Amino acid sequence: MSPRREEQGQALVEFALLLPLLLLLVLGIIEFSFVWNSRNTVLFASRDASMLAAEGGSLQGTDCVVLSRIESDIVSPAAAVKLQQVQIYWSDRNGDQIGANVNVYDRAGSTTCDYGDGTTITVPYSLTSAGYPESARCDVLAGCGGSHTSVDTIGVRVTYQHRWLTSFARMTGTGVTFTESTINRAEPQL
């Protein structure tokens, strides 16, 4: 055998040994990019929703507007059907929930809000815990009495389950669940 032919065979064997590792690396990069994209999409939806919750303050139907916006903000490759739960809560300045002041919405069933002008919004969420009703939110600069010494800081926490997209990754499990939250100070009403 000639030395040239032996070198070609050696290169083929080395390539065959490294190919699975290379494919694993490429699939890992693809999965990571989809998870990162979903996380950023959920973070944006949380940020957008907390701004709407802060603008709505104690107005009846604010939660439906917030939930509707979250649904519209979750875009491909993320999917709104993978949303697990949305929490709208009274927050301190560090983003921590104050007591049991939280409305928990699971993405199941539906909730309809009727507004005074005849419009309605129906969202695919059901209220499972009502510890922070819209009427209890303080949006008055001078405070609303009790522990509401000024306007509330309102937080929105969104839980999302990302399912693996490549079949290789599905062999390791169903996916990853993550939660993103954002807070905003309520807009004072006159």
Foldseek 3Di string as FASTA:
>chain_A
DDPVVVVVVVVVVVCVVCVVVVVVVVLVVVQVVQVVVQVVLQQVLQVVLQVQCQACQLPPPSVLVSQVSSQVSQDPPGHPVQWAKKKKAFADPVRDGDDPGIWIWGQACWDKGADPVGDIGIHRIDTPDHRHHSNNFDQAQCADDDPGRGGTKMKMKIKGFDAGDDPVVVVVDGGDIDMHMDIDTHHHDD
